[in-house]
Amino acid sequence: SGYTYNSYSMAWFRQAPGKEREGVAAINSRSSAIYADSVKGRFTISK
């Protein structure tokens, strides 16, 4: 939305009813990525 995030790390989180918010995937400014074990191999984060 008009802000520059090229130098930031970015991530996806999710929260289901009755459950705590959990990290899904993250990507840093160098495009290195990390994933939660529950989604590894199924989800891909990119920017």
ModelCIF file with pLDDT and N, C-alpha, C, O atoms, coordinates in Angstrom:
data_MODEL
#
_entry.id   MODEL 
#
_entity.id                         1 
_entity.type                       polymer 
_entity.pdbx_number_of_molecules   1 
#
_entity_poly.entity_id                      1 
_entity_poly.type                           'polypeptide(L)' 
_entity_poly.nstd_linkage                   no 
_entity_poly.nstd_monomer                   no 
_entity_poly.pdbx_seq_one_letter_code       SGYTYNSYSMAWFRQAPGKEREGVAAINSRSSAIYADSVKGRFTISK 
_entity_poly.pdbx_seq_one_letter_code_can   SGYTYNSYSMAWFRQAPGKEREGVAAINSRSSAIYADSVKGRFTISK 
_entity_poly.pdbx_strand_id                 A 
#
loop_
_entity_poly_seq.entity_id 
_entity_poly_seq.num 
_entity_poly_seq.mon_id 
_entity_poly_seq.hetero 
1 1  SER n 
1 2  GLY n 
1 3  TYR n 
1 4  THR n 
1 5  TYR n 
1 6  ASN n 
1 7  SER n 
1 8  TYR n 
1 9  SER n 
1 10 MET n 
1 11 ALA n 
1 12 TRP n 
1 13 PHE n 
1 14 ARG n 
1 15 GLN n 
1 16 ALA n 
1 17 PRO n 
1 18 GLY n 
1 19 LYS n 
1 20 GLU n 
1 21 ARG n 
1 22 GLU n 
1 23 GLY n 
1 24 VAL n 
1 25 ALA n 
1 26 ALA n 
1 27 ILE n 
1 28 ASN n 
1 29 SER n 
1 30 ARG n 
1 31 SER n 
1 32 SER n 
1 33 ALA n 
1 34 ILE n 
1 35 TYR n 
1 36 ALA n 
1 37 ASP n 
1 38 SER n 
1 39 VAL n 
1 40 LYS n 
1 41 GLY n 
1 42 ARG n 
1 43 PHE n 
1 44 THR n 
1 45 ILE n 
1 46 SER n 
1 47 LYS n 
#
_struct_asym.id          A 
_struct_asym.entity_id   1 
#
loop_
_ma_qa_metric.id 
_ma_qa_metric.mode 
_ma_qa_metric.name 
_ma_qa_metric.software_group_id 
_ma_qa_metric.type 
1 global pLDDT . pLDDT 
2 local  pLDDT . pLDDT 
#
_ma_qa_metric_global.metric_id      1 
_ma_qa_metric_global.metric_value   91.60 
_ma_qa_metric_global.model_id       1 
_ma_qa_metric_global.ordinal_id     1 
#
loop_
_ma_qa_metric_local.label_asym_id 
_ma_qa_metric_local.label_comp_id 
_ma_qa_metric_local.label_seq_id 
_ma_qa_metric_local.metric_id 
_ma_qa_metric_local.metric_value 
_ma_qa_metric_local.model_id 
_ma_qa_metric_local.ordinal_id 
A SER 1  2 71.00 1 1  
A GLY 2  2 58.00 1 2  
A TYR 3  2 58.00 1 3  
A THR 4  2 61.00 1 4  
A TYR 5  2 66.00 1 5  
A ASN 6  2 72.00 1 6  
A SER 7  2 80.00 1 7  
A TYR 8  2 85.00 1 8  
A SER 9  2 92.00 1 9  
A MET 10 2 94.00 1 10 
A ALA 11 2 96.00 1 11 
A TRP 12 2 98.00 1 12 
A PHE 13 2 98.00 1 13 
A ARG 14 2 98.00 1 14 
A GLN 15 2 98.00 1 15 
A ALA 16 2 97.00 1 16 
A PRO 17 2 93.00 1 17 
A GLY 18 2 95.00 1 18 
A LYS 19 2 96.00 1 19 
A GLU 20 2 96.00 1 20 
A ARG 21 2 96.00 1 21 
A GLU 22 2 97.00 1 22 
A GLY 23 2 97.00 1 23 
A VAL 24 2 98.00 1 24 
A ALA 25 2 98.00 1 25 
A ALA 26 2 98.00 1 26 
A ILE 27 2 96.00 1 27 
A ASN 28 2 93.00 1 28 
A SER 29 2 89.00 1 29 
A ARG 30 2 91.00 1 30 
A SER 31 2 92.00 1 31 
A SER 32 2 96.00 1 32 
A ALA 33 2 98.00 1 33 
A ILE 34 2 97.00 1 34 
A TYR 35 2 98.00 1 35 
A ALA 36 2 98.00 1 36 
A ASP 37 2 98.00 1 37 
A SER 38 2 97.00 1 38 
A VAL 39 2 98.00 1 39 
A LYS 40 2 98.00 1 40 
A GLY 41 2 98.00 1 41 
A ARG 42 2 98.00 1 42 
A PHE 43 2 98.00 1 43 
A THR 44 2 98.00 1 44 
A ILE 45 2 98.00 1 45 
A SER 46 2 97.00 1 46 
A LYS 47 2 93.00 1 47 
#
loop_
_atom_site.group_PDB 
_atom_site.id 
_atom_site.type_symbol 
_atom_site.label_atom_id 
_atom_site.label_alt_id 
_atom_site.label_comp_id 
_atom_site.label_asym_id 
_atom_site.label_entity_id 
_atom_site.label_seq_id 
_atom_site.pdbx_PDB_ins_code 
_atom_site.Cartn_x 
_atom_site.Cartn_y 
_atom_site.Cartn_z 
_atom_site.occupancy 
_atom_site.B_iso_or_equiv 
_atom_site.pdbx_formal_charge 
_atom_site.auth_seq_id 
_atom_site.auth_comp_id 
_atom_site.auth_asym_id 
_atom_site.auth_atom_id 
_atom_site.pdbx_PDB_model_num 
ATOM 1   N N  . SER A 1 1  ? 0.804   -1.223  0.000  1.00 71.00 ? 1  SER A N  1 
ATOM 2   C CA . SER A 1 1  ? 0.000   0.000   0.000  1.00 71.00 ? 1  SER A CA 1 
ATOM 3   C C  . SER A 1 1  ? 0.833   1.268   0.000  1.00 71.00 ? 1  SER A C  1 
ATOM 4   O O  . SER A 1 1  ? 0.575   2.186   0.779  1.00 71.00 ? 1  SER A O  1 
ATOM 5   N N  . GLY A 1 2  ? 1.830   1.324   -0.868 1.00 58.00 ? 2  GLY A N  1 
ATOM 6   C CA . GLY A 1 2  ? 2.621   2.521   -1.027 1.00 58.00 ? 2  GLY A CA 1 
ATOM 7   C C  . GLY A 1 2  ? 3.869   2.591   -0.169 1.00 58.00 ? 2  GLY A C  1 
ATOM 8   O O  . GLY A 1 2  ? 4.714   3.457   -0.396 1.00 58.00 ? 2  GLY A O  1 
ATOM 9   N N  . TYR A 1 3  ? 4.010   1.728   0.788  1.00 58.00 ? 3  TYR A N  1 
ATOM 10  C CA . TYR A 1 3  ? 5.202   1.671   1.614  1.00 58.00 ? 3  TYR A CA 1 
ATOM 11  C C  . TYR A 1 3  ? 6.245   0.772   0.965  1.00 58.00 ? 3  TYR A C  1 
ATOM 12  O O  . TYR A 1 3  ? 5.910   -0.166  0.242  1.00 58.00 ? 3  TYR A O  1 
ATOM 13  N N  . THR A 1 4  ? 7.501   1.067   1.229  1.00 61.00 ? 4  THR A N  1 
ATOM 14  C CA . THR A 1 4  ? 8.597   0.272   0.697  1.00 61.00 ? 4  THR A CA 1 
ATOM 15  C C  . THR A 1 4  ? 9.056   -0.734  1.741  1.00 61.00 ? 4  THR A C  1 
ATOM 16  O O  . THR A 1 4  ? 9.444   -0.366  2.850  1.00 61.00 ? 4  THR A O  1 
ATOM 17  N N  . TYR A 1 5  ? 9.006   -2.002  1.373  1.00 66.00 ? 5  TYR A N  1 
ATOM 18  C CA . TYR A 1 5  ? 9.384   -3.068  2.296  1.00 66.00 ? 5  TYR A CA 1 
ATOM 19  C C  . TYR A 1 5  ? 10.529  -3.912  1.767  1.00 66.00 ? 5  TYR A C  1 
ATOM 20  O O  . TYR A 1 5  ? 10.739  -5.030  2.238  1.00 66.00 ? 5  TYR A O  1 
ATOM 21  N N  . ASN A 1 6  ? 11.267  -3.402  0.802  1.00 72.00 ? 6  ASN A N  1 
ATOM 22  C CA . ASN A 1 6  ? 12.341  -4.182  0.201  1.00 72.00 ? 6  ASN A CA 1 
ATOM 23  C C  . ASN A 1 6  ? 13.411  -4.588  1.207  1.00 72.00 ? 6  ASN A C  1 
ATOM 24  O O  . ASN A 1 6  ? 14.007  -5.657  1.079  1.00 72.00 ? 6  ASN A O  1 
ATOM 25  N N  . SER A 1 7  ? 13.657  -3.751  2.198  1.00 80.00 ? 7  SER A N  1 
ATOM 26  C CA . SER A 1 7  ? 14.689  -4.030  3.181  1.00 80.00 ? 7  SER A CA 1 
ATOM 27  C C  . SER A 1 7  ? 14.174  -4.794  4.399  1.00 80.00 ? 7  SER A C  1 
ATOM 28  O O  . SER A 1 7  ? 14.953  -5.130  5.290  1.00 80.00 ? 7  SER A O  1 
ATOM 29  N N  . TYR A 1 8  ? 12.887  -5.068  4.447  1.00 85.00 ? 8  TYR A N  1 
ATOM 30  C CA . TYR A 1 8  ? 12.282  -5.779  5.557  1.00 85.00 ? 8  TYR A CA 1 
ATOM 31  C C  . TYR A 1 8  ? 12.195  -7.274  5.294  1.00 85.00 ? 8  TYR A C  1 
ATOM 32  O O  . TYR A 1 8  ? 12.208  -7.727  4.150  1.00 85.00 ? 8  TYR A O  1 
ATOM 33  N N  . SER A 1 9  ? 12.106  -8.022  6.377  1.00 92.00 ? 9  SER A N  1 
ATOM 34  C CA . SER A 1 9  ? 11.619  -9.385  6.281  1.00 92.00 ? 9  SER A CA 1 
ATOM 35  C C  . SER A 1 9  ? 10.094  -9.338  6.290  1.00 92.00 ? 9  SER A C  1 
ATOM 36  O O  . SER A 1 9  ? 9.495   -8.463  6.916  1.00 92.00 ? 9  SER A O  1 
ATOM 37  N N  . MET A 1 10 ? 9.478   -10.276 5.599  1.00 94.00 ? 10 MET A N  1 
ATOM 38  C CA . MET A 1 10 ? 8.031   -10.354 5.566  1.00 94.00 ? 10 MET A CA 1 
ATOM 39  C C  . MET A 1 10 ? 7.604   -11.779 5.871  1.00 94.00 ? 10 MET A C  1 
ATOM 40  O O  . MET A 1 10 ? 8.359   -12.727 5.654  1.00 94.00 ? 10 MET A O  1 
ATOM 41  N N  . ALA A 1 11 ? 6.396   -11.917 6.373  1.00 96.00 ? 11 ALA A N  1 
ATOM 42  C CA . ALA A 1 11 ? 5.958   -13.226 6.829  1.00 96.00 ? 11 ALA A CA 1 
ATOM 43  C C  . ALA A 1 11 ? 4.456   -13.376 6.695  1.00 96.00 ? 11 ALA A C  1 
ATOM 44  O O  . ALA A 1 11 ? 3.714   -12.399 6.597  1.00 96.00 ? 11 ALA A O  1 
ATOM 45  N N  . TRP A 1 12 ? 4.036   -14.619 6.694  1.00 98.00 ? 12 TRP A N  1 
ATOM 46  C CA . TRP A 1 12 ? 2.625   -14.983 6.758  1.00 98.00 ? 12 TRP A CA 1 
ATOM 47  C C  . TRP A 1 12 ? 2.351   -15.701 8.064  1.00 98.00 ? 12 TRP A C  1 
ATOM 48  O O  . TRP A 1 12 ? 3.093   -16.599 8.461  1.00 98.00 ? 12 TRP A O  1 
ATOM 49  N N  . PHE A 1 13 ? 1.277   -15.297 8.729  1.00 98.00 ? 13 PHE A N  1 
ATOM 50  C CA . PHE A 1 13 ? 0.791   -15.949 9.930  1.00 98.00 ? 13 PHE A CA 1 
ATOM 51  C C  . PHE A 1 13 ? -0.642  -16.390 9.698  1.00 98.00 ? 13 PHE A C  1 
ATOM 52  O O  . PHE A 1 13 ? -1.300  -15.927 8.765  1.00 98.00 ? 13 PHE A O  1 
ATOM 53  N N  . ARG A 1 14 ? -1.121  -17.281 10.544 1.00 98.00 ? 14 ARG A N  1 
ATOM 54  C CA . ARG A 1 14 ? -2.509  -17.691 10.461 1.00 98.00 ? 14 ARG A CA 1 
ATOM 55  C C  . ARG A 1 14 ? -3.053  -17.958 11.856 1.00 98.00 ? 14 ARG A C  1 
ATOM 56  O O  . ARG A 1 14 ? -2.312  -18.292 12.781 1.00 98.00 ? 14 ARG A O  1 
ATOM 57  N N  . GLN A 1 15 ? -4.362  -17.801 11.983 1.00 98.00 ? 15 GLN A N  1 
ATOM 58  C CA . GLN A 1 15 ? -5.014  -18.042 13.254 1.00 98.00 ? 15 GLN A CA 1 
ATOM 59  C C  . GLN A 1 15 ? -6.383  -18.655 13.016 1.00 98.00 ? 15 GLN A C  1 
ATOM 60  O O  . GLN A 1 15 ? -7.230  -18.077 12.335 1.00 98.00 ? 15 GLN A O  1 
ATOM 61  N N  . ALA A 1 16 ? -6.585  -19.827 13.584 1.00 97.00 ? 16 ALA A N  1 
ATOM 62  C CA . ALA A 1 16 ? -7.866  -20.512 13.517 1.00 97.00 ? 16 ALA A CA 1 
ATOM 63  C C  . ALA A 1 16 ? -8.633  -20.267 14.812 1.00 97.00 ? 16 ALA A C  1 
ATOM 64  O O  . ALA A 1 16 ? -8.020  -19.992 15.843 1.00 97.00 ? 16 ALA A O  1 
ATOM 65  N N  . PRO A 1 17 ? -9.966  -20.363 14.779 1.00 93.00 ? 17 PRO A N  1 
ATOM 66  C CA . PRO A 1 17 ? -10.744 -20.174 16.001 1.00 93.00 ? 17 PRO A CA 1 
ATOM 67  C C  . PRO A 1 17 ? -10.292 -21.115 17.106 1.00 93.00 ? 17 PRO A C  1 
ATOM 68  O O  . PRO A 1 17 ? -10.136 -22.316 16.887 1.00 93.00 ? 17 PRO A O  1 
ATOM 69  N N  . GLY A 1 18 ? -10.084 -20.566 18.285 1.00 95.00 ? 18 GLY A N  1 
ATOM 70  C CA . GLY A 1 18 ? -9.667  -21.365 19.422 1.00 95.00 ? 18 GLY A CA 1 
ATOM 71  C C  . GLY A 1 18 ? -8.204  -21.748 19.427 1.00 95.00 ? 18 GLY A C  1 
ATOM 72  O O  . GLY A 1 18 ? -7.780  -22.544 20.265 1.00 95.00 ? 18 GLY A O  1 
ATOM 73  N N  . LYS A 1 19 ? -7.428  -21.205 18.517 1.00 96.00 ? 19 LYS A N  1 
ATOM 74  C CA . LYS A 1 19 ? -6.016  -21.528 18.420 1.00 96.00 ? 19 LYS A CA 1 
ATOM 75  C C  . LYS A 1 19 ? -5.192  -20.252 18.393 1.00 96.00 ? 19 LYS A C  1 
ATOM 76  O O  . LYS A 1 19 ? -5.662  -19.215 17.923 1.00 96.00 ? 19 LYS A O  1 
ATOM 77  N N  . GLU A 1 20 ? -3.975  -20.324 18.892 1.00 96.00 ? 20 GLU A N  1 
ATOM 78  C CA . GLU A 1 20 ? -3.089  -19.172 18.875 1.00 96.00 ? 20 GLU A CA 1 
ATOM 79  C C  . GLU A 1 20 ? -2.584  -18.902 17.465 1.00 96.00 ? 20 GLU A C  1 
ATOM 80  O O  . GLU A 1 20 ? -2.512  -19.802 16.628 1.00 96.00 ? 20 GLU A O  1 
ATOM 81  N N  . ARG A 1 21 ? -2.236  -17.649 17.223 1.00 96.00 ? 21 ARG A N  1 
ATOM 82  C CA . ARG A 1 21 ? -1.654  -17.284 15.944 1.00 96.00 ? 21 ARG A CA 1 
ATOM 83  C C  . ARG A 1 21 ? -0.310  -17.978 15.770 1.00 96.00 ? 21 ARG A C  1 
ATOM 84  O O  . ARG A 1 21 ? 0.495   -18.018 16.701 1.00 96.00 ? 21 ARG A O  1 
ATOM 85  N N  . GLU A 1 22 ? -0.065  -18.524 14.588 1.00 97.00 ? 22 GLU A N  1 
ATOM 86  C CA . GLU A 1 22 ? 1.168   -19.239 14.331 1.00 97.00 ? 22 GLU A CA 1 
ATOM 87  C C  . GLU A 1 22 ? 1.830   -18.737 13.058 1.00 97.00 ? 22 GLU A C  1 
ATOM 88  O O  . GLU A 1 22 ? 1.159   -18.342 12.105 1.00 97.00 ? 22 GLU A O  1 
ATOM 89  N N  . GLY A 1 23 ? 3.142   -18.761 13.058 1.00 97.00 ? 23 GLY A N  1 
ATOM 90  C CA . GLY A 1 23 ? 3.889   -18.391 11.879 1.00 97.00 ? 23 GLY A CA 1 
ATOM 91  C C  . GLY A 1 23 ? 3.834   -19.483 10.833 1.00 97.00 ? 23 GLY A C  1 
ATOM 92  O O  . GLY A 1 23 ? 3.953   -20.665 11.157 1.00 97.00 ? 23 GLY A O  1 
ATOM 93  N N  . VAL A 1 24 ? 3.655   -19.100 9.589  1.00 98.00 ? 24 VAL A N  1 
ATOM 94  C CA . VAL A 1 24 ? 3.560   -20.034 8.477  1.00 98.00 ? 24 VAL A CA 1 
ATOM 95  C C  . VAL A 1 24 ? 4.839   -20.035 7.646  1.00 98.00 ? 24 VAL A C  1 
ATOM 96  O O  . VAL A 1 24 ? 5.422   -21.088 7.391  1.00 98.00 ? 24 VAL A O  1 
ATOM 97  N N  . ALA A 1 25 ? 5.269   -18.853 7.228  1.00 98.00 ? 25 ALA A N  1 
ATOM 98  C CA . ALA A 1 25 ? 6.451   -18.726 6.385  1.00 98.00 ? 25 ALA A CA 1 
ATOM 99  C C  . ALA A 1 25 ? 6.979   -17.308 6.487  1.00 98.00 ? 25 ALA A C  1 
ATOM 100 O O  . ALA A 1 25 ? 6.224   -16.378 6.770  1.00 98.00 ? 25 ALA A O  1 
ATOM 101 N N  . ALA A 1 26 ? 8.273   -17.140 6.258  1.00 98.00 ? 26 ALA A N  1 
ATOM 102 C CA . ALA A 1 26 ? 8.898   -15.823 6.283  1.00 98.00 ? 26 ALA A CA 1 
ATOM 103 C C  . ALA A 1 26 ? 9.959   -15.749 5.209  1.00 98.00 ? 26 ALA A C  1 
ATOM 104 O O  . ALA A 1 26 ? 10.543  -16.762 4.823  1.00 98.00 ? 26 ALA A O  1 
ATOM 105 N N  . ILE A 1 27 ? 10.206  -14.530 4.724  1.00 96.00 ? 27 ILE A N  1 
ATOM 106 C CA . ILE A 1 27 ? 11.217  -14.303 3.699  1.00 96.00 ? 27 ILE A CA 1 
ATOM 107 C C  . ILE A 1 27 ? 11.936  -13.005 4.025  1.00 96.00 ? 27 ILE A C  1 
ATOM 108 O O  . ILE A 1 27 ? 11.300  -12.020 4.401  1.00 96.00 ? 27 ILE A O  1 
ATOM 109 N N  . ASN A 1 28 ? 13.265  -12.994 3.884  1.00 93.00 ? 28 ASN A N  1 
ATOM 110 C CA . ASN A 1 28 ? 14.023  -11.806 4.222  1.00 93.00 ? 28 ASN A CA 1 
ATOM 111 C C  . ASN A 1 28 ? 14.389  -11.017 2.970  1.00 93.00 ? 28 ASN A C  1 
ATOM 112 O O  . ASN A 1 28 ? 13.977  -11.359 1.862  1.00 93.00 ? 28 ASN A O  1 
ATOM 113 N N  . SER A 1 29 ? 15.171  -9.955  3.166  1.00 89.00 ? 29 SER A N  1 
ATOM 114 C CA . SER A 1 29 ? 15.513  -9.068  2.060  1.00 89.00 ? 29 SER A CA 1 
ATOM 115 C C  . SER A 1 29 ? 16.377  -9.740  1.009  1.00 89.00 ? 29 SER A C  1 
ATOM 116 O O  . SER A 1 29 ? 16.443  -9.270  -0.127 1.00 89.00 ? 29 SER A O  1 
ATOM 117 N N  . ARG A 1 30 ? 17.036  -10.823 1.365  1.00 91.00 ? 30 ARG A N  1 
ATOM 118 C CA . ARG A 1 30 ? 17.848  -11.586 0.422  1.00 91.00 ? 30 ARG A CA 1 
ATOM 119 C C  . ARG A 1 30 ? 17.084  -12.758 -0.183 1.00 91.00 ? 30 ARG A C  1 
ATOM 120 O O  . ARG A 1 30 ? 17.665  -13.574 -0.899 1.00 91.00 ? 30 ARG A O  1 
ATOM 121 N N  . SER A 1 31 ? 15.803  -12.845 0.096  1.00 92.00 ? 31 SER A N  1 
ATOM 122 C CA . SER A 1 31 ? 14.909  -13.878 -0.423 1.00 92.00 ? 31 SER A CA 1 
ATOM 123 C C  . SER A 1 31 ? 15.184  -15.260 0.150  1.00 92.00 ? 31 SER A C  1 
ATOM 124 O O  . SER A 1 31 ? 14.799  -16.265 -0.447 1.00 92.00 ? 31 SER A O  1 
ATOM 125 N N  . SER A 1 32 ? 15.845  -15.322 1.299  1.00 96.00 ? 32 SER A N  1 
ATOM 126 C CA . SER A 1 32 ? 15.921  -16.576 2.027  1.00 96.00 ? 32 SER A CA 1 
ATOM 127 C C  . SER A 1 32 ? 14.590  -16.803 2.728  1.00 96.00 ? 32 SER A C  1 
ATOM 128 O O  . SER A 1 32 ? 13.989  -15.856 3.235  1.00 96.00 ? 32 SER A O  1 
ATOM 129 N N  . ALA A 1 33 ? 14.127  -18.036 2.763  1.00 98.00 ? 33 ALA A N  1 
ATOM 130 C CA . ALA A 1 33 ? 12.808  -18.340 3.294  1.00 98.00 ? 33 ALA A CA 1 
ATOM 131 C C  . ALA A 1 33 ? 12.863  -19.415 4.361  1.00 98.00 ? 33 ALA A C  1 
ATOM 132 O O  . ALA A 1 33 ? 13.720  -20.297 4.327  1.00 98.00 ? 33 ALA A O  1 
ATOM 133 N N  . ILE A 1 34 ? 11.941  -19.335 5.309  1.00 97.00 ? 34 ILE A N  1 
ATOM 134 C CA . ILE A 1 34 ? 11.766  -20.358 6.319  1.00 97.00 ? 34 ILE A CA 1 
ATOM 135 C C  . ILE A 1 34 ? 10.291  -20.705 6.379  1.00 97.00 ? 34 ILE A C  1 
ATOM 136 O O  . ILE A 1 34 ? 9.432   -19.877 6.075  1.00 97.00 ? 34 ILE A O  1 
ATOM 137 N N  . TYR A 1 35 ? 10.001  -21.954 6.780  1.00 98.00 ? 35 TYR A N  1 
ATOM 138 C CA . TYR A 1 35 ? 8.636   -22.444 6.794  1.00 98.00 ? 35 TYR A CA 1 
ATOM 139 C C  . TYR A 1 35 ? 8.355   -23.216 8.071  1.00 98.00 ? 35 TYR A C  1 
ATOM 140 O O  . TYR A 1 35 ? 9.244   -23.838 8.650  1.00 98.00 ? 35 TYR A O  1 
ATOM 141 N N  . ALA A 1 36 ? 7.107   -23.163 8.495  1.00 98.00 ? 36 ALA A N  1 
ATOM 142 C CA . ALA A 1 36 ? 6.660   -24.039 9.555  1.00 98.00 ? 36 ALA A CA 1 
ATOM 143 C C  . ALA A 1 36 ? 6.651   -25.473 9.048  1.00 98.00 ? 36 ALA A C  1 
ATOM 144 O O  . ALA A 1 36 ? 6.392   -25.720 7.870  1.00 98.00 ? 36 ALA A O  1 
ATOM 145 N N  . ASP A 1 37 ? 6.936   -26.418 9.941  1.00 98.00 ? 37 ASP A N  1 
ATOM 146 C CA . ASP A 1 37 ? 6.962   -27.819 9.536  1.00 98.00 ? 37 ASP A CA 1 
ATOM 147 C C  . ASP A 1 37 ? 5.629   -28.270 8.934  1.00 98.00 ? 37 ASP A C  1 
ATOM 148 O O  . ASP A 1 37 ? 5.607   -29.122 8.046  1.00 98.00 ? 37 ASP A O  1 
ATOM 149 N N  . SER A 1 38 ? 4.541   -27.711 9.407  1.00 97.00 ? 38 SER A N  1 
ATOM 150 C CA . SER A 1 38 ? 3.227   -28.132 8.958  1.00 97.00 ? 38 SER A CA 1 
ATOM 151 C C  . SER A 1 38 ? 2.932   -27.780 7.505  1.00 97.00 ? 38 SER A C  1 
ATOM 152 O O  . SER A 1 38 ? 2.037   -28.368 6.898  1.00 97.00 ? 38 SER A O  1 
ATOM 153 N N  . VAL A 1 39 ? 3.669   -26.830 6.940  1.00 98.00 ? 39 VAL A N  1 
ATOM 154 C CA . VAL A 1 39 ? 3.412   -26.404 5.566  1.00 98.00 ? 39 VAL A CA 1 
ATOM 155 C C  . VAL A 1 39 ? 4.590   -26.640 4.645  1.00 98.00 ? 39 VAL A C  1 
ATOM 156 O O  . VAL A 1 39 ? 4.484   -26.416 3.439  1.00 98.00 ? 39 VAL A O  1 
ATOM 157 N N  . LYS A 1 40 ? 5.701   -27.083 5.182  1.00 98.00 ? 40 LYS A N  1 
ATOM 158 C CA . LYS A 1 40 ? 6.903   -27.291 4.378  1.00 98.00 ? 40 LYS A CA 1 
ATOM 159 C C  . LYS A 1 40 ? 6.637   -28.293 3.261  1.00 98.00 ? 40 LYS A C  1 
ATOM 160 O O  . LYS A 1 40 ? 6.098   -29.374 3.497  1.00 98.00 ? 40 LYS A O  1 
ATOM 161 N N  . GLY A 1 41 ? 7.017   -27.926 2.056  1.00 98.00 ? 41 GLY A N  1 
ATOM 162 C CA . GLY A 1 41 ? 6.781   -28.771 0.901  1.00 98.00 ? 41 GLY A CA 1 
ATOM 163 C C  . GLY A 1 41 ? 5.460   -28.526 0.214  1.00 98.00 ? 41 GLY A C  1 
ATOM 164 O O  . GLY A 1 41 ? 5.249   -28.996 -0.904 1.00 98.00 ? 41 GLY A O  1 
ATOM 165 N N  . ARG A 1 42 ? 4.555   -27.791 0.867  1.00 98.00 ? 42 ARG A N  1 
ATOM 166 C CA . ARG A 1 42 ? 3.249   -27.491 0.281  1.00 98.00 ? 42 ARG A CA 1 
ATOM 167 C C  . ARG A 1 42 ? 3.078   -26.008 -0.036 1.00 98.00 ? 42 ARG A C  1 
ATOM 168 O O  . ARG A 1 42 ? 2.447   -25.652 -1.031 1.00 98.00 ? 42 ARG A O  1 
ATOM 169 N N  . PHE A 1 43 ? 3.640   -25.145 0.811  1.00 98.00 ? 43 PHE A N  1 
ATOM 170 C CA . PHE A 1 43 ? 3.501   -23.699 0.650  1.00 98.00 ? 43 PHE A CA 1 
ATOM 171 C C  . PHE A 1 43 ? 4.816   -23.107 0.173  1.00 98.00 ? 43 PHE A C  1 
ATOM 172 O O  . PHE A 1 43 ? 5.890   -23.611 0.503  1.00 98.00 ? 43 PHE A O  1 
ATOM 173 N N  . THR A 1 44 ? 4.728   -22.031 -0.608 1.00 98.00 ? 44 THR A N  1 
ATOM 174 C CA . THR A 1 44 ? 5.900   -21.307 -1.065 1.00 98.00 ? 44 THR A CA 1 
ATOM 175 C C  . THR A 1 44 ? 5.680   -19.821 -0.880 1.00 98.00 ? 44 THR A C  1 
ATOM 176 O O  . THR A 1 44 ? 4.691   -19.271 -1.364 1.00 98.00 ? 44 THR A O  1 
ATOM 177 N N  . ILE A 1 45 ? 6.598   -19.165 -0.181 1.00 98.00 ? 45 ILE A N  1 
ATOM 178 C CA . ILE A 1 45 ? 6.532   -17.728 0.010  1.00 98.00 ? 45 ILE A CA 1 
ATOM 179 C C  . ILE A 1 45 ? 7.453   -17.055 -1.007 1.00 98.00 ? 45 ILE A C  1 
ATOM 180 O O  . ILE A 1 45 ? 8.548   -17.548 -1.278 1.00 98.00 ? 45 ILE A O  1 
ATOM 181 N N  . SER A 1 46 ? 7.014   -15.945 -1.560 1.00 97.00 ? 46 SER A N  1 
ATOM 182 C CA . SER A 1 46 ? 7.815   -15.207 -2.520 1.00 97.00 ? 46 SER A CA 1 
ATOM 183 C C  . SER A 1 46 ? 7.420   -13.741 -2.464 1.00 97.00 ? 46 SER A C  1 
ATOM 184 O O  . SER A 1 46 ? 6.427   -13.386 -1.828 1.00 97.00 ? 46 SER A O  1 
ATOM 185 N N  . LYS A 1 47 ? 8.186   -12.894 -3.123 1.00 93.00 ? 47 LYS A N  1 
ATOM 186 C CA . LYS A 1 47 ? 7.873   -11.475 -3.150 1.00 93.00 ? 47 LYS A CA 1 
ATOM 187 C C  . LYS A 1 47 ? 8.305   -10.847 -4.449 1.00 93.00 ? 47 LYS A C  1 
ATOM 188 O O  . LYS A 1 47 ? 8.118   -9.647  -4.647 1.00 93.00 ? 47 LYS A O  1 
#
